[in-house]
C-alpha atoms as a PDB file:
ATOM      1  CA  MET A   1      67.226  68.876  92.864  1.00  0.00           C
ATOM      2  CA  LYS A   2      69.332  72.539  93.473  1.00  0.00           C
ATOM      3  CA  TYR A   3      70.615  74.493  90.784  1.00  0.00           C
ATOM      4  CA  LYS A   4      72.795  77.618  90.064  1.00  0.00           C
ATOM      5  CA  VAL A   5      71.554  80.471  87.675  1.00  0.00           C
ATOM      6  CA  ALA A   6      73.641  80.573  84.752  1.00  0.00           C
ATOM      7  CA  ALA A   7      72.053  82.376  82.461  1.00  0.00           C
ATOM      8  CA  PRO A   8      71.340  86.454  82.916  1.00  0.00           C
ATOM      9  CA  TYR A   9      68.202  85.654  84.818  1.00  0.00           C
ATOM     10  CA  ILE A  10      65.307  82.728  84.268  1.00  0.00           C
ATOM     11  CA  GLU A  11      61.378  83.210  85.144  1.00  0.00           C
ATOM     12  CA  LEU A  12      59.745  80.026  85.880  1.00  0.00           C
ATOM     13  CA  TYR A  13      55.788  79.284  85.205  1.00  0.00           C
ATOM     14  CA  SER A  14      54.873  76.408  87.501  1.00  0.00           C
ATOM     15  CA  GLY A  15      56.246  73.518  89.770  1.00  0.00           C
ATOM     16  CA  VAL A  16      57.569  73.527  93.221  1.00  0.00           C
ATOM     17  CA  LEU A  17      60.950  75.394  94.126  1.00  0.00           C
ATOM     18  CA  ILE A  18      62.812  75.326  97.128  1.00  0.00           C
ATOM     19  CA  LEU A  19      63.784  78.764  98.827  1.00  0.00           C
ATOM     20  CA  THR A  20      65.973  80.226 101.725  1.00  0.00           C
ATOM     21  CA  LYS A  21      63.201  82.579 103.827  1.00  0.00           C
ATOM     22  CA  GLU A  22      64.922  85.895 101.782  1.00  0.00           C
ATOM     23  CA  GLN A  23      64.019  84.393  98.680  1.00  0.00           C
ATOM     24  CA  ALA A  24      60.600  83.544  99.505  1.00  0.00           C
ATOM     25  CA  ALA A  25      59.919  86.725 101.029  1.00  0.00           C
ATOM     26  CA  VAL A  26      60.551  89.181  98.667  1.00  0.00           C
ATOM     27  CA  ARG A  27      58.540  86.559  95.670  1.00  0.00           C
ATOM     28  CA  ALA A  28      55.697  85.680  98.597  1.00  0.00           C
ATOM     29  CA  HIS A  29      52.533  87.278  95.954  1.00  0.00           C
ATOM     30  CA  ASN A  30      53.697  84.767  94.010  1.00  0.00           C
ATOM     31  CA  LEU A  31      53.948  81.616  95.611  1.00  0.00           C
ATOM     32  CA  ARG A  32      51.737  79.386  97.728  1.00  0.00           C
ATOM     33  CA  LYS A  33      54.014  77.269 100.668  1.00  0.00           C
ATOM     34  CA  VAL A  34      53.339  74.000 100.444  1.00  0.00           C
ATOM     35  CA  LYS A  35      54.916  70.569 101.987  1.00  0.00           C
ATOM     36  CA  GLY A  36      58.270  70.885 100.933  1.00  0.00           C
ATOM     37  CA  GLY A  37      58.879  73.737  99.658  1.00  0.00           C
ATOM     38  CA  TYR A  38      56.990  76.619  97.629  1.00  0.00           C
ATOM     39  CA  GLU A  39      54.292  75.835  94.382  1.00  0.00           C
ATOM     40  CA  ILE A  40      54.443  78.660  91.578  1.00  0.00           C
ATOM     41  CA  VAL A  41      51.297  80.110  91.513  1.00  0.00           C
ATOM     42  CA  ARG A  42      52.410  82.908  89.096  1.00  0.00           C
ATOM     43  CA  PRO A  43      55.599  83.592  87.281  1.00  0.00           C
ATOM     44  CA  VAL A  44      58.763  84.453  89.149  1.00  0.00           C
ATOM     45  CA  GLN A  45      62.125  85.318  88.490  1.00  0.00           C
ATOM     46  CA  PHE A  46      65.914  84.312  89.105  1.00  0.00           C
ATOM     47  CA  LYS A  47      68.768  86.374  88.611  1.00  0.00           C
ATOM     48  CA  CYS A  48      72.649  85.390  88.040  1.00  0.00           C
ATOM     49  CA  GLY A  49      74.567  82.947  90.386  1.00  0.00           C
ATOM     50  CA  GLU A  50      70.997  82.612  92.630  1.00  0.00           C
ATOM     51  CA  GLU A  51      70.947  79.075  93.751  1.00  0.00           C
ATOM     52  CA  ILE A  52      67.289  77.492  93.646  1.00  0.00           C
ATOM     53  CA  GLY A  53      66.094  73.941  94.596  1.00  0.00           C
ATOM     54  CA  TYR A  54      63.596  72.953  91.793  1.00  0.00           C
ATOM     55  CA  ASP A  55      61.264  70.110  91.285  1.00  0.00           C
ATOM     56  CA  GLY A  56      59.413  70.622  87.583  1.00  0.00           C
ATOM     57  CA  GLU A  57      60.020  70.056  84.426  1.00  0.00           C
ATOM     58  CA  LEU A  58      63.162  70.751  83.268  1.00  0.00           C
ATOM     59  CA  THR A  59      63.211  72.014  79.737  1.00  0.00           C
ATOM     60  CA  LEU A  60      66.266  72.351  77.034  1.00  0.00           C
ATOM     61  CA  GLU A  61      65.923  75.943  77.286  1.00  0.00           C
ATOM     62  CA  LEU A  62      65.947  76.090  81.436  1.00  0.00           C
ATOM     63  CA  ALA A  63      68.791  72.687  81.589  1.00  0.00           C
ATOM     64  CA  GLU A  64      71.056  75.640  79.328  1.00  0.00           C
ATOM     65  CA  ALA A  65      69.775  78.327  81.720  1.00  0.00           C
ATOM     66  CA  PHE A  66      71.025  76.528  84.765  1.00  0.00           C
ATOM     67  CA  GLY A  67      74.524  75.361  82.976  1.00  0.00           C
ATOM     68  CA  ILE A  68      73.589  71.472  82.374  1.00  0.00           C
ATOM     69  CA  GLU A  69      74.521  70.373  79.365  1.00  0.00           C
ATOM     70  CA  LYS A  70      72.244  69.494  77.296  1.00  0.00           C
ATOM     71  CA  PRO A  71      70.204  66.756  78.022  1.00  0.00           C
ATOM     72  CA  GLY A  72      70.417  63.593  75.217  1.00  0.00           C
ATOM     73  CA  LYS A  73      73.057  65.427  73.246  1.00  0.00           C
ATOM     74  CA  LYS A  74      75.227  62.521  71.922  1.00  0.00           C
ATOM     75  CA  ASN A  75      78.938  62.239  71.251  1.00  0.00           C
ATOM     76  CA  PRO A  76      79.447  61.736  67.210  1.00  0.00           C
ATOM     77  CA  SER A  77      80.953  58.217  68.110  1.00  0.00           C
ATOM     78  CA  GLU A  78      77.566  57.082  69.949  1.00  0.00           C
ATOM     79  CA  GLN A  79      75.015  58.021  67.035  1.00  0.00           C
ATOM     80  CA  SER A  80      73.198  54.990  66.089  1.00  0.00           C
ATOM     81  CA  VAL A  81      73.922  52.928  63.078  1.00  0.00           C
ATOM     82  CA  GLN A  82      71.625  51.564  60.748  1.00  0.00           C
ATOM     83  CA  THR A  83      72.192  47.630  61.494  1.00  0.00           C
ATOM     84  CA  SER A  84      69.715  46.194  58.698  1.00  0.00           C
ATOM     85  CA  ALA A  85      69.672  46.144  54.916  1.00  0.00           C
ATOM     86  CA  GLN A  86      66.141  47.261  54.589  1.00  0.00           C
ATOM     87  CA  ASP A  87      65.515  50.905  53.941  1.00  0.00           C
ATOM     88  CA  GLN A  88      68.626  50.893  52.050  1.00  0.00           C
END
């Protein structure tokens, strides 16, 4: 999936990236070319505004760095309601 970095910078430790030739060239010593992109072999950083394709675990911290609304965040009206008298 393609993301735009919203944080001042991010550092990625694992996953597969889809990058432009220019992005890959400056990080070549930390990446390994694989089918469909570049596998991260050592941490890589990206600055605010850079667009990257990322196929890896999307943690809460990383989602925030990409400017994505917190996953799993529920509207207060959608919170669970006890439907059983048990455990009161």
